[in-house]
N, C-alpha and C. Protein backbone atom coordinates (compact mmCIF):
# COMPACT_ATOMS: atom_id res chain seq x y z
N MET A 1 36.21 -5.21 36.64
CA MET A 1 35.39 -4.12 36.14
C MET A 1 33.96 -4.63 35.97
N ASN A 2 33.02 -3.81 36.32
CA ASN A 2 31.64 -4.20 36.06
C ASN A 2 31.21 -3.59 34.73
N ARG A 3 29.99 -3.72 34.40
CA ARG A 3 29.52 -3.32 33.06
C ARG A 3 29.62 -1.83 32.78
N VAL A 4 29.61 -1.00 33.80
CA VAL A 4 29.67 0.45 33.56
C VAL A 4 31.08 1.01 33.71
N GLY A 5 32.06 0.13 33.88
CA GLY A 5 33.45 0.58 33.96
C GLY A 5 33.87 1.02 35.34
N LEU A 6 33.09 0.71 36.36
CA LEU A 6 33.43 1.09 37.73
C LEU A 6 33.99 -0.12 38.44
N TYR A 7 35.23 -0.02 38.88
CA TYR A 7 35.85 -1.11 39.61
C TYR A 7 35.36 -1.11 41.04
N ALA A 8 34.96 -2.25 41.51
CA ALA A 8 34.57 -2.39 42.91
C ALA A 8 35.50 -3.40 43.55
N PRO A 9 36.35 -2.98 44.47
CA PRO A 9 37.24 -3.93 45.12
C PRO A 9 36.44 -5.05 45.77
N PRO A 10 37.06 -6.22 45.96
CA PRO A 10 36.32 -7.34 46.53
C PRO A 10 35.64 -7.02 47.86
N ARG A 11 36.17 -6.08 48.64
CA ARG A 11 35.54 -5.76 49.91
C ARG A 11 34.34 -4.83 49.74
N ILE A 12 34.15 -4.26 48.56
CA ILE A 12 33.00 -3.39 48.29
C ILE A 12 32.29 -3.97 47.07
N ARG A 13 31.28 -4.73 47.29
CA ARG A 13 30.57 -5.40 46.20
C ARG A 13 29.41 -4.55 45.69
N LEU A 14 29.22 -4.56 44.39
CA LEU A 14 28.08 -3.87 43.79
C LEU A 14 27.09 -4.88 43.22
N GLY A 15 27.17 -6.12 43.69
CA GLY A 15 26.26 -7.15 43.20
C GLY A 15 26.74 -7.82 41.94
N ILE A 16 27.91 -7.42 41.46
CA ILE A 16 28.48 -8.02 40.25
C ILE A 16 29.81 -8.62 40.66
N PRO A 17 30.06 -9.89 40.36
CA PRO A 17 31.31 -10.50 40.79
C PRO A 17 32.52 -9.75 40.25
N THR A 18 33.51 -9.58 41.08
CA THR A 18 34.77 -8.99 40.65
C THR A 18 35.88 -9.97 40.95
N GLY A 19 36.89 -9.97 40.14
CA GLY A 19 38.03 -10.84 40.37
C GLY A 19 39.28 -10.01 40.46
N ARG A 20 40.33 -10.63 40.85
CA ARG A 20 41.61 -9.93 40.93
C ARG A 20 42.40 -10.25 39.67
N ALA A 21 42.76 -9.21 38.95
CA ALA A 21 43.61 -9.39 37.79
C ALA A 21 45.04 -9.60 38.28
N ARG A 22 45.81 -10.32 37.51
CA ARG A 22 47.19 -10.55 37.93
C ARG A 22 48.02 -9.31 37.65
N VAL A 23 49.09 -9.16 38.40
CA VAL A 23 50.01 -8.06 38.19
C VAL A 23 50.75 -8.32 36.89
N PRO A 24 50.86 -7.33 36.00
CA PRO A 24 51.54 -7.54 34.73
C PRO A 24 52.97 -8.03 34.95
N PRO A 25 53.47 -8.84 34.00
CA PRO A 25 54.82 -9.38 34.15
C PRO A 25 55.89 -8.31 34.01
N VAL A 26 57.09 -8.67 34.42
CA VAL A 26 58.20 -7.76 34.25
C VAL A 26 58.91 -8.08 32.94
N LEU A 27 59.58 -7.09 32.41
CA LEU A 27 60.35 -7.27 31.19
C LEU A 27 61.72 -7.80 31.54
N GLY A 28 62.49 -8.17 30.54
CA GLY A 28 63.86 -8.62 30.76
C GLY A 28 64.62 -7.59 31.58
N GLY A 29 65.48 -8.04 32.46
CA GLY A 29 66.22 -7.14 33.33
C GLY A 29 65.51 -6.92 34.65
N GLY A 30 64.29 -7.48 34.80
CA GLY A 30 63.61 -7.41 36.07
C GLY A 30 62.89 -6.11 36.36
N LYS A 31 62.84 -5.17 35.42
CA LYS A 31 62.16 -3.91 35.68
C LYS A 31 60.69 -4.03 35.32
N PRO A 32 59.80 -3.45 36.15
CA PRO A 32 58.38 -3.47 35.81
C PRO A 32 58.13 -2.73 34.49
N GLN A 33 57.07 -3.13 33.80
CA GLN A 33 56.71 -2.46 32.56
C GLN A 33 56.44 -0.99 32.83
N MET A 34 56.65 -0.17 31.82
CA MET A 34 56.26 1.24 31.93
C MET A 34 54.78 1.29 31.62
N GLY A 35 54.01 1.75 32.57
CA GLY A 35 52.56 1.75 32.41
C GLY A 35 52.04 0.34 32.59
N THR A 36 50.77 0.19 32.40
CA THR A 36 50.13 -1.11 32.56
C THR A 36 49.09 -1.27 31.47
N ARG A 37 48.80 -2.48 31.11
CA ARG A 37 47.75 -2.77 30.13
C ARG A 37 46.38 -2.72 30.78
N ASP A 38 46.34 -2.79 32.10
CA ASP A 38 45.08 -2.84 32.85
C ASP A 38 45.12 -1.74 33.92
N PRO A 39 44.31 -0.69 33.79
CA PRO A 39 44.38 0.39 34.77
C PRO A 39 44.08 -0.07 36.19
N GLU A 40 43.41 -1.19 36.34
CA GLU A 40 43.12 -1.75 37.66
C GLU A 40 44.40 -2.13 38.40
N GLN A 41 45.50 -2.30 37.67
CA GLN A 41 46.75 -2.73 38.27
C GLN A 41 47.76 -1.60 38.49
N ASN A 42 47.40 -0.37 38.14
CA ASN A 42 48.33 0.75 38.30
C ASN A 42 48.84 0.88 39.73
N HIS A 43 47.94 0.82 40.70
CA HIS A 43 48.34 0.98 42.09
C HIS A 43 49.30 -0.12 42.54
N ALA A 44 49.09 -1.35 42.07
CA ALA A 44 49.97 -2.46 42.45
C ALA A 44 51.37 -2.27 41.87
N LEU A 45 51.44 -1.83 40.62
CA LEU A 45 52.75 -1.57 40.00
C LEU A 45 53.46 -0.42 40.70
N PHE A 46 52.71 0.60 41.06
CA PHE A 46 53.31 1.76 41.73
C PHE A 46 53.90 1.33 43.08
N ALA A 47 53.13 0.61 43.88
CA ALA A 47 53.62 0.17 45.19
C ALA A 47 54.82 -0.75 45.03
N LYS A 48 54.79 -1.62 44.04
CA LYS A 48 55.91 -2.54 43.81
C LYS A 48 57.19 -1.76 43.49
N ALA A 49 57.07 -0.74 42.64
CA ALA A 49 58.24 0.06 42.27
C ALA A 49 58.76 0.86 43.47
N VAL A 50 57.85 1.44 44.25
CA VAL A 50 58.27 2.19 45.44
C VAL A 50 59.01 1.28 46.41
N ASN A 51 58.43 0.14 46.70
CA ASN A 51 59.02 -0.78 47.68
C ASN A 51 60.33 -1.38 47.20
N ALA A 52 60.53 -1.40 45.88
CA ALA A 52 61.80 -1.86 45.31
C ALA A 52 62.82 -0.72 45.21
N GLY A 53 62.36 0.52 45.45
CA GLY A 53 63.25 1.67 45.31
C GLY A 53 63.60 1.96 43.87
N ASP A 54 62.75 1.58 42.92
CA ASP A 54 63.03 1.69 41.49
C ASP A 54 62.45 2.99 40.91
N VAL A 55 63.23 4.06 40.98
CA VAL A 55 62.77 5.37 40.51
C VAL A 55 62.54 5.38 39.00
N ASP A 56 63.31 4.60 38.25
CA ASP A 56 63.11 4.57 36.79
C ASP A 56 61.77 3.95 36.43
N ALA A 57 61.40 2.87 37.13
CA ALA A 57 60.09 2.26 36.89
C ALA A 57 58.97 3.23 37.26
N LEU A 58 59.14 3.94 38.37
CA LEU A 58 58.12 4.92 38.78
C LEU A 58 57.98 6.01 37.74
N ALA A 59 59.08 6.60 37.34
CA ALA A 59 59.03 7.69 36.35
C ALA A 59 58.40 7.22 35.05
N GLY A 60 58.65 5.98 34.69
CA GLY A 60 58.08 5.43 33.46
C GLY A 60 56.59 5.21 33.50
N MET A 61 55.98 5.37 34.66
CA MET A 61 54.53 5.22 34.79
C MET A 61 53.79 6.52 34.51
N TYR A 62 54.55 7.61 34.29
CA TYR A 62 53.95 8.93 34.05
C TYR A 62 54.07 9.33 32.59
N GLU A 63 53.08 10.09 32.11
CA GLU A 63 53.18 10.69 30.77
C GLU A 63 54.32 11.71 30.77
N PRO A 64 54.88 12.01 29.59
CA PRO A 64 55.99 12.97 29.53
C PRO A 64 55.68 14.33 30.17
N GLU A 65 54.45 14.81 30.07
CA GLU A 65 54.08 16.11 30.62
C GLU A 65 53.12 15.98 31.80
N ALA A 66 53.21 14.89 32.52
CA ALA A 66 52.33 14.63 33.67
C ALA A 66 52.52 15.67 34.76
N VAL A 67 51.52 15.74 35.63
CA VAL A 67 51.56 16.64 36.79
C VAL A 67 51.49 15.80 38.06
N TYR A 68 52.44 16.06 38.98
CA TYR A 68 52.48 15.42 40.29
C TYR A 68 52.26 16.52 41.32
N VAL A 69 51.27 16.34 42.18
CA VAL A 69 50.98 17.33 43.21
C VAL A 69 51.82 16.97 44.43
N ALA A 70 52.88 17.76 44.67
CA ALA A 70 53.82 17.48 45.74
C ALA A 70 53.36 18.02 47.10
N GLY A 71 52.31 18.80 47.10
CA GLY A 71 51.76 19.40 48.31
C GLY A 71 50.83 20.52 47.91
N PRO A 72 50.17 21.15 48.86
CA PRO A 72 49.25 22.24 48.53
C PRO A 72 49.95 23.34 47.72
N GLY A 73 49.45 23.59 46.53
CA GLY A 73 50.01 24.63 45.67
C GLY A 73 51.35 24.28 45.04
N GLN A 74 51.80 23.05 45.17
CA GLN A 74 53.10 22.63 44.63
C GLN A 74 52.90 21.56 43.56
N GLN A 75 53.06 21.96 42.30
CA GLN A 75 52.93 21.01 41.21
C GLN A 75 54.30 20.78 40.58
N VAL A 76 54.61 19.52 40.37
CA VAL A 76 55.83 19.13 39.66
C VAL A 76 55.37 18.68 38.28
N VAL A 77 55.91 19.30 37.22
CA VAL A 77 55.42 19.04 35.87
C VAL A 77 56.52 18.38 35.04
N GLY A 78 56.15 17.28 34.39
CA GLY A 78 57.05 16.58 33.48
C GLY A 78 57.69 15.37 34.12
N GLN A 79 57.87 14.35 33.30
CA GLN A 79 58.38 13.08 33.77
C GLN A 79 59.76 13.21 34.43
N LYS A 80 60.65 14.02 33.87
CA LYS A 80 62.00 14.17 34.44
C LYS A 80 61.95 14.83 35.81
N ALA A 81 61.14 15.87 35.94
CA ALA A 81 61.01 16.57 37.23
C ALA A 81 60.34 15.67 38.26
N ILE A 82 59.37 14.88 37.84
CA ILE A 82 58.70 13.95 38.74
C ILE A 82 59.69 12.89 39.21
N ARG A 83 60.51 12.40 38.28
CA ARG A 83 61.54 11.41 38.64
C ARG A 83 62.45 11.98 39.73
N SER A 84 62.86 13.21 39.55
CA SER A 84 63.75 13.84 40.53
C SER A 84 63.07 13.97 41.89
N ALA A 85 61.82 14.39 41.89
CA ALA A 85 61.08 14.54 43.16
C ALA A 85 60.91 13.19 43.85
N LEU A 86 60.58 12.17 43.09
CA LEU A 86 60.38 10.84 43.68
C LEU A 86 61.69 10.22 44.14
N ALA A 87 62.80 10.54 43.47
CA ALA A 87 64.11 9.99 43.86
C ALA A 87 64.46 10.43 45.28
N GLY A 88 64.18 11.68 45.60
CA GLY A 88 64.45 12.17 46.95
C GLY A 88 63.64 11.43 47.99
N TRP A 89 62.37 11.18 47.67
CA TRP A 89 61.50 10.45 48.59
C TRP A 89 61.95 9.00 48.74
N LEU A 90 62.31 8.37 47.62
CA LEU A 90 62.74 6.96 47.68
C LEU A 90 64.03 6.79 48.47
N ALA A 91 64.84 7.83 48.54
CA ALA A 91 66.08 7.76 49.31
C ALA A 91 65.82 7.51 50.79
N THR A 92 64.61 7.83 51.26
CA THR A 92 64.25 7.58 52.66
C THR A 92 63.81 6.13 52.90
N LYS A 93 63.78 5.34 51.83
CA LYS A 93 63.39 3.92 51.87
C LYS A 93 62.00 3.70 52.46
N PRO A 94 60.99 4.35 51.87
CA PRO A 94 59.62 4.15 52.37
C PRO A 94 59.10 2.75 52.05
N ARG A 95 58.18 2.28 52.87
CA ARG A 95 57.45 1.04 52.61
C ARG A 95 56.00 1.45 52.40
N LEU A 96 55.49 1.22 51.21
CA LEU A 96 54.17 1.70 50.82
C LEU A 96 53.19 0.56 50.65
N ARG A 97 51.99 0.77 51.18
CA ARG A 97 50.87 -0.14 50.95
C ARG A 97 49.74 0.68 50.34
N LEU A 98 49.24 0.26 49.19
CA LEU A 98 48.14 0.94 48.50
C LEU A 98 46.97 -0.01 48.37
N GLU A 99 45.78 0.52 48.58
CA GLU A 99 44.56 -0.25 48.35
C GLU A 99 43.68 0.54 47.39
N LEU A 100 43.21 -0.13 46.38
CA LEU A 100 42.33 0.49 45.40
C LEU A 100 40.95 0.66 46.00
N ALA A 101 40.51 1.91 46.11
CA ALA A 101 39.17 2.19 46.64
C ALA A 101 38.14 2.20 45.52
N SER A 102 38.50 2.83 44.38
CA SER A 102 37.60 2.83 43.23
C SER A 102 38.38 3.14 41.97
N LEU A 103 37.83 2.71 40.86
CA LEU A 103 38.39 3.00 39.54
C LEU A 103 37.23 3.22 38.59
N THR A 104 37.19 4.39 37.98
CA THR A 104 36.14 4.71 37.01
C THR A 104 36.81 4.93 35.67
N VAL A 105 36.39 4.20 34.66
CA VAL A 105 36.97 4.30 33.32
C VAL A 105 35.92 4.88 32.38
N ALA A 106 36.32 5.90 31.64
CA ALA A 106 35.47 6.51 30.61
C ALA A 106 36.30 6.61 29.34
N GLY A 107 36.15 5.65 28.46
CA GLY A 107 36.92 5.64 27.22
C GLY A 107 38.40 5.48 27.50
N ASP A 108 39.19 6.48 27.12
CA ASP A 108 40.64 6.43 27.27
C ASP A 108 41.15 7.13 28.52
N VAL A 109 40.25 7.45 29.45
CA VAL A 109 40.63 8.13 30.69
C VAL A 109 40.09 7.33 31.87
N ALA A 110 40.88 7.27 32.93
CA ALA A 110 40.44 6.55 34.13
C ALA A 110 40.77 7.40 35.36
N LEU A 111 39.89 7.35 36.35
CA LEU A 111 40.11 8.00 37.63
C LEU A 111 40.28 6.91 38.68
N GLU A 112 41.46 6.90 39.29
CA GLU A 112 41.79 5.91 40.32
C GLU A 112 41.83 6.60 41.67
N ARG A 113 41.16 6.01 42.64
CA ARG A 113 41.22 6.51 44.01
C ARG A 113 41.76 5.38 44.88
N THR A 114 42.77 5.71 45.67
CA THR A 114 43.38 4.71 46.54
C THR A 114 43.50 5.24 47.96
N THR A 115 43.66 4.32 48.89
CA THR A 115 44.08 4.68 50.24
C THR A 115 45.49 4.14 50.38
N TRP A 116 46.32 4.88 51.12
CA TRP A 116 47.72 4.47 51.25
C TRP A 116 48.17 4.54 52.69
N THR A 117 49.14 3.72 52.98
CA THR A 117 49.84 3.74 54.26
C THR A 117 51.32 3.65 53.92
N VAL A 118 52.11 4.53 54.51
CA VAL A 118 53.55 4.51 54.27
C VAL A 118 54.28 4.51 55.62
N VAL A 119 55.32 3.71 55.69
CA VAL A 119 56.17 3.67 56.87
C VAL A 119 57.55 4.15 56.44
N MET A 120 58.07 5.15 57.17
CA MET A 120 59.37 5.74 56.88
C MET A 120 60.06 6.03 58.21
N PRO A 121 61.39 6.20 58.17
CA PRO A 121 62.06 6.59 59.41
C PRO A 121 61.57 7.97 59.86
N GLY A 122 61.21 8.09 61.14
CA GLY A 122 60.78 9.37 61.70
C GLY A 122 61.97 10.23 62.07
N ASP A 123 61.70 11.40 62.59
CA ASP A 123 62.76 12.32 63.02
C ASP A 123 63.68 11.69 64.06
N ASP A 124 63.13 10.79 64.86
CA ASP A 124 63.93 10.14 65.90
C ASP A 124 64.59 8.85 65.42
N GLY A 125 64.42 8.56 64.10
CA GLY A 125 65.02 7.36 63.53
C GLY A 125 64.15 6.12 63.64
N LYS A 126 63.09 6.19 64.42
CA LYS A 126 62.18 5.06 64.57
C LYS A 126 61.15 5.10 63.46
N PRO A 127 60.61 3.93 63.05
CA PRO A 127 59.60 3.91 62.00
C PRO A 127 58.38 4.76 62.36
N ALA A 128 57.96 5.57 61.41
CA ALA A 128 56.76 6.41 61.58
C ALA A 128 55.79 6.06 60.46
N GLU A 129 54.54 5.89 60.81
CA GLU A 129 53.52 5.53 59.83
C GLU A 129 52.59 6.71 59.59
N SER A 130 52.26 6.91 58.31
CA SER A 130 51.24 7.90 57.97
C SER A 130 50.33 7.28 56.92
N SER A 131 49.15 7.85 56.78
CA SER A 131 48.20 7.30 55.81
C SER A 131 47.36 8.42 55.23
N GLY A 132 46.72 8.12 54.12
CA GLY A 132 45.88 9.10 53.45
C GLY A 132 45.20 8.47 52.26
N SER A 133 44.71 9.33 51.39
CA SER A 133 44.06 8.85 50.16
C SER A 133 44.58 9.67 48.99
N SER A 134 44.58 9.05 47.83
CA SER A 134 45.11 9.71 46.63
C SER A 134 44.14 9.59 45.47
N SER A 135 44.35 10.47 44.51
CA SER A 135 43.58 10.45 43.26
C SER A 135 44.57 10.49 42.10
N VAL A 136 44.34 9.66 41.11
CA VAL A 136 45.20 9.58 39.94
C VAL A 136 44.33 9.57 38.70
N VAL A 137 44.72 10.37 37.70
CA VAL A 137 44.08 10.32 36.39
C VAL A 137 45.03 9.58 35.46
N LEU A 138 44.53 8.50 34.88
CA LEU A 138 45.30 7.70 33.93
C LEU A 138 44.75 7.95 32.53
N ARG A 139 45.65 7.86 31.54
CA ARG A 139 45.20 8.02 30.15
C ARG A 139 45.76 6.86 29.33
N ARG A 140 44.90 6.25 28.50
CA ARG A 140 45.33 5.17 27.63
C ARG A 140 46.19 5.76 26.50
N GLN A 141 47.34 5.14 26.28
CA GLN A 141 48.28 5.58 25.26
C GLN A 141 47.99 4.87 23.94
N GLY A 142 48.63 5.31 22.88
CA GLY A 142 48.43 4.72 21.56
C GLY A 142 48.75 3.24 21.49
N ASP A 143 49.69 2.77 22.33
CA ASP A 143 50.06 1.36 22.34
C ASP A 143 49.16 0.52 23.23
N GLY A 144 48.14 1.15 23.85
CA GLY A 144 47.21 0.43 24.71
C GLY A 144 47.58 0.46 26.19
N SER A 145 48.77 0.94 26.52
CA SER A 145 49.16 1.03 27.93
C SER A 145 48.51 2.24 28.57
N TRP A 146 48.49 2.26 29.89
CA TRP A 146 47.91 3.36 30.66
C TRP A 146 49.03 4.03 31.44
N LEU A 147 49.11 5.35 31.34
CA LEU A 147 50.10 6.13 32.08
C LEU A 147 49.39 7.19 32.91
N MET A 148 50.05 7.63 33.98
CA MET A 148 49.47 8.66 34.84
C MET A 148 49.65 10.03 34.19
N ALA A 149 48.55 10.77 34.10
CA ALA A 149 48.57 12.15 33.61
C ALA A 149 48.59 13.13 34.79
N ILE A 150 47.87 12.78 35.84
CA ILE A 150 47.83 13.59 37.08
C ILE A 150 47.93 12.63 38.26
N ASP A 151 48.79 12.96 39.21
CA ASP A 151 48.96 12.14 40.41
C ASP A 151 48.89 13.08 41.61
N ASP A 152 47.83 12.96 42.39
CA ASP A 152 47.68 13.74 43.60
C ASP A 152 47.63 12.79 44.79
N PRO A 153 48.78 12.58 45.44
CA PRO A 153 48.80 11.63 46.56
C PRO A 153 48.13 12.14 47.83
N GLY A 154 47.64 13.36 47.82
CA GLY A 154 46.91 13.88 48.97
C GLY A 154 47.80 14.16 50.16
N ILE A 155 49.03 14.59 49.90
CA ILE A 155 49.95 14.91 50.99
C ILE A 155 49.93 16.39 51.28
N GLY A 156 50.32 16.75 52.45
CA GLY A 156 50.44 18.17 52.78
C GLY A 156 49.40 18.58 53.72
């Protein structure tokens, strides 16, 4: 993070040195933490949970009344409904790569923009790759962790 709260990935320098924060540790049982202490690491935790097929870890990254944009005009509301929607997607065994494009923090709210690439089995059974960009609104919780309030993966 630079002085104004704008994250600049190492490939996009703003004249202020940036470093890579480490990925938060896992709790006992090997499951990733719910949320993160550092909003800069949200995308890394999300990709790790997707690639592990861990729907519980993914669902735990959302606020109880979060909104997930499943496509144009399609909003999934609430952690349980989001878990269900993501479980169906994870059943296809996607391989996700996320890159943080920018992160802007204003007090207890953060706007994360990422680019993503996902590889999944295509209609013919062969790997098919797609890519896009997403926007996520994170909110700092009372315990200091950050959870997703809005997740728009830019699909559809």
